[in-house]
Amino acid sequence: MNHLVLTVIAEDQPGLVEKIASCISTHGGNWLESRMSRMAGQFAGILKVSVPADAHAELVASLQALNEQGIRVLLAESGSEPERSFKPILLDLVGNDRPGIVRDITRVLSELSVNVESLDTDVAPAPMSNEPLFHAEAKLAVPLSLSLDVLQARLETLADDLMVELVLRGDE
């Protein structure tokens, strides 16, 4: 079996996921995992599928043909997963919204060789003041060689500058 990672984006509409799933199934493929969401009238997702080697080229052509129906698909061959040389950590962040929060947090993470495996963000009105409140949840892959105390200290210094609350916890 070959594995593909697909990125899909299209104007949101009923039946969109079914069209993609049917295309995969028609070619003997198997839908393994996905993350999909609707945002600002668009539907986007990333998914991993397996397909028999002899149907690989036909599936790729069929997925690319979905563009004619307004469904853009970007394909990549699945890479190998690295050996587990990291510890999973969850990050929660809340603060008044302002430009640059994601840039500043991810800069520190990158400097410490921390990988962002997933990131969910939104901006919503604060309960009492109705001011825009930025919230982020991230799953991080922290190198085993990096002390959580060092990571916490670096992020807390930044959190003070950004005026955000930041919590790290183990993902066990």
Protein backbone atom coordinates (compact mmCIF):
# COMPACT_ATOMS: atom_id res chain seq x y z
CA MET A 1 0.00 0.00 0.00
CA ASN A 2 1.09 3.53 -0.76
CA HIS A 3 0.21 6.41 1.54
CA LEU A 4 -0.73 9.91 0.45
CA VAL A 5 -1.29 13.10 2.40
CA LEU A 6 -3.90 15.36 0.81
CA THR A 7 -4.70 18.98 1.45
CA VAL A 8 -8.19 19.92 0.29
CA ILE A 9 -9.90 23.31 0.01
CA ALA A 10 -13.18 24.30 -1.57
CA GLU A 11 -16.12 26.58 -1.08
CA ASP A 12 -18.19 24.95 1.66
CA GLN A 13 -21.17 22.95 0.42
CA PRO A 14 -23.09 19.82 1.37
CA GLY A 15 -21.62 16.63 -0.07
CA LEU A 16 -18.06 17.91 -0.34
CA VAL A 17 -16.50 15.29 1.95
CA GLU A 18 -18.58 12.57 0.29
CA LYS A 19 -17.14 13.48 -3.14
CA ILE A 20 -13.61 13.13 -1.81
CA ALA A 21 -14.41 9.91 0.08
CA SER A 22 -16.07 8.38 -2.99
CA CYS A 23 -13.08 9.23 -5.15
CA ILE A 24 -10.75 7.52 -2.67
CA SER A 25 -13.01 4.49 -2.22
CA THR A 26 -13.56 4.02 -5.96
CA HIS A 27 -9.82 3.42 -6.36
CA GLY A 28 -9.57 0.99 -3.44
CA GLY A 29 -8.19 3.63 -1.13
CA ASN A 30 -8.71 3.78 2.60
CA TRP A 31 -9.33 7.02 4.55
CA LEU A 32 -6.93 6.73 7.52
CA GLU A 33 -7.02 10.04 9.40
CA SER A 34 -8.07 13.63 8.82
CA ARG A 35 -8.48 17.11 10.27
CA MET A 36 -11.11 19.21 8.51
CA SER A 37 -12.91 22.44 9.25
CA ARG A 38 -15.15 25.16 7.82
CA MET A 39 -13.88 28.74 8.05
CA ALA A 40 -15.06 31.95 6.40
CA GLY A 41 -17.22 30.08 3.88
CA GLN A 42 -14.40 27.75 2.87
CA PHE A 43 -13.91 24.12 3.80
CA ALA A 44 -10.34 22.91 4.24
CA GLY A 45 -8.69 19.77 5.45
CA ILE A 46 -5.72 17.54 5.52
CA LEU A 47 -6.04 13.78 5.33
CA LYS A 48 -3.97 10.65 5.03
CA VAL A 49 -5.09 7.80 2.79
CA SER A 50 -3.67 4.46 1.77
CA VAL A 51 -4.09 3.11 -1.74
CA PRO A 52 -2.95 -0.09 -3.47
CA ALA A 53 0.23 0.52 -5.47
CA ASP A 54 -1.45 -0.48 -8.74
CA ALA A 55 -4.23 2.12 -8.22
CA HIS A 56 -2.00 4.97 -7.05
CA ALA A 57 -1.69 6.82 -10.37
CA GLU A 58 -5.42 6.50 -11.12
CA LEU A 59 -6.35 7.85 -7.68
CA VAL A 60 -3.98 10.80 -8.07
CA ALA A 61 -5.49 11.65 -11.47
CA SER A 62 -9.02 11.31 -10.11
CA LEU A 63 -8.28 13.55 -7.12
CA GLN A 64 -6.71 16.17 -9.38
CA ALA A 65 -9.82 16.03 -11.60
CA LEU A 66 -11.90 17.21 -8.63
CA ASN A 67 -10.54 20.67 -9.46
CA GLU A 68 -13.15 20.79 -12.24
CA GLN A 69 -15.79 20.66 -9.47
CA GLY A 70 -14.09 23.48 -7.52
CA ILE A 71 -12.29 21.15 -5.11
CA ARG A 72 -8.57 21.90 -5.03
CA VAL A 73 -6.42 18.99 -3.89
CA LEU A 74 -2.70 19.16 -3.17
CA LEU A 75 -1.00 15.76 -2.88
CA ALA A 76 2.19 14.64 -1.16
CA GLU A 77 3.68 11.21 -0.62
CA SER A 78 3.51 10.27 3.04
CA GLY A 79 6.85 10.63 4.80
CA SER A 80 8.18 8.38 7.51
CA GLU A 81 7.48 9.27 11.11
CA PRO A 82 10.64 10.13 13.06
CA GLU A 83 11.56 8.05 16.07
CA ARG A 84 10.01 9.40 19.25
CA SER A 85 12.75 11.69 20.55
CA PHE A 86 10.35 14.21 22.00
CA LYS A 87 7.73 14.58 24.70
CA PRO A 88 4.19 15.76 23.85
CA ILE A 89 3.15 18.95 25.65
CA LEU A 90 -0.09 20.92 25.38
CA LEU A 91 -0.01 24.71 25.36
CA ASP A 92 -3.02 26.90 26.17
CA LEU A 93 -2.79 30.63 25.65
CA VAL A 94 -5.36 33.37 26.31
CA GLY A 95 -4.94 37.14 26.05
CA ASN A 96 -6.15 40.35 24.51
CA ASP A 97 -5.95 40.04 20.74
CA ARG A 98 -3.22 41.89 18.89
CA PRO A 99 -1.20 41.25 15.74
CA GLY A 100 1.94 39.13 16.15
CA ILE A 101 1.02 36.77 19.01
CA VAL A 102 1.40 33.61 16.92
CA ARG A 103 4.60 34.92 15.31
CA ASP A 104 6.19 35.74 18.66
CA ILE A 105 5.26 32.47 20.39
CA THR A 106 6.30 30.30 17.43
CA ARG A 107 9.61 32.18 17.14
CA VAL A 108 10.52 31.12 20.69
CA LEU A 109 9.36 27.56 20.03
CA SER A 110 11.42 27.38 16.84
CA GLU A 111 14.52 28.73 18.61
CA LEU A 112 14.14 25.88 21.14
CA SER A 113 13.61 23.27 18.35
CA VAL A 114 10.04 22.65 19.52
CA ASN A 115 7.76 21.39 16.76
CA VAL A 116 4.14 22.59 16.55
CA GLU A 117 2.14 19.46 15.69
CA SER A 118 -1.29 21.07 15.82
CA LEU A 119 -2.56 24.58 16.42
CA ASP A 120 -6.12 25.80 16.93
CA THR A 121 -6.78 29.51 17.39
CA ASP A 122 -9.76 31.82 17.56
CA VAL A 123 -10.75 35.31 18.58
CA ALA A 124 -13.94 35.81 20.57
CA PRO A 125 -15.40 38.58 22.75
CA ALA A 126 -14.26 38.52 26.38
CA PRO A 127 -17.14 37.64 28.75
CA MET A 128 -17.26 40.92 30.74
CA SER A 129 -15.62 43.54 28.54
CA ASN A 130 -16.53 42.27 25.06
CA GLU A 131 -12.94 43.08 24.00
CA PRO A 132 -11.48 40.66 21.43
CA LEU A 133 -9.80 37.77 23.27
CA PHE A 134 -7.25 35.57 21.46
CA HIS A 135 -7.16 31.88 22.40
CA ALA A 136 -4.70 29.26 21.16
CA GLU A 137 -4.36 25.56 21.86
CA ALA A 138 -1.31 23.77 20.54
CA LYS A 139 0.14 20.30 20.71
CA LEU A 140 3.90 20.57 20.86
CA ALA A 141 6.67 18.04 20.33
CA VAL A 142 9.36 19.11 22.79
CA PRO A 143 12.85 17.61 22.42
CA LEU A 144 13.73 15.23 25.26
CA SER A 145 16.91 17.26 25.76
CA LEU A 146 14.93 20.44 26.53
CA SER A 147 13.99 20.95 30.15
CA LEU A 148 10.35 21.88 30.67
CA ASP A 149 11.55 24.48 33.19
CA VAL A 150 13.60 26.18 30.46
CA LEU A 151 10.67 26.07 28.02
CA GLN A 152 8.28 27.40 30.69
CA ALA A 153 10.67 30.23 31.64
CA ARG A 154 11.22 31.35 28.03
CA LEU A 155 7.50 31.29 27.28
CA GLU A 156 6.57 33.05 30.54
CA THR A 157 8.97 35.90 29.76
CA LEU A 158 7.31 36.28 26.38
CA ALA A 159 3.83 35.90 27.89
CA ASP A 160 4.54 38.82 30.22
CA ASP A 161 5.61 40.95 27.24
CA LEU A 162 2.52 39.91 25.25
CA MET A 163 0.20 40.21 28.28
CA VAL A 164 -1.21 36.73 27.79
CA GLU A 165 -1.80 33.80 30.14
CA LEU A 166 0.06 30.69 29.10
CA VAL A 167 -0.24 27.14 30.50
CA LEU A 168 1.86 24.10 29.58
CA ARG A 169 0.79 20.59 30.55
CA GLY A 170 1.82 17.06 29.68
CA ASP A 171 -0.14 15.17 27.01
CA GLU A 172 -0.16 11.73 28.54
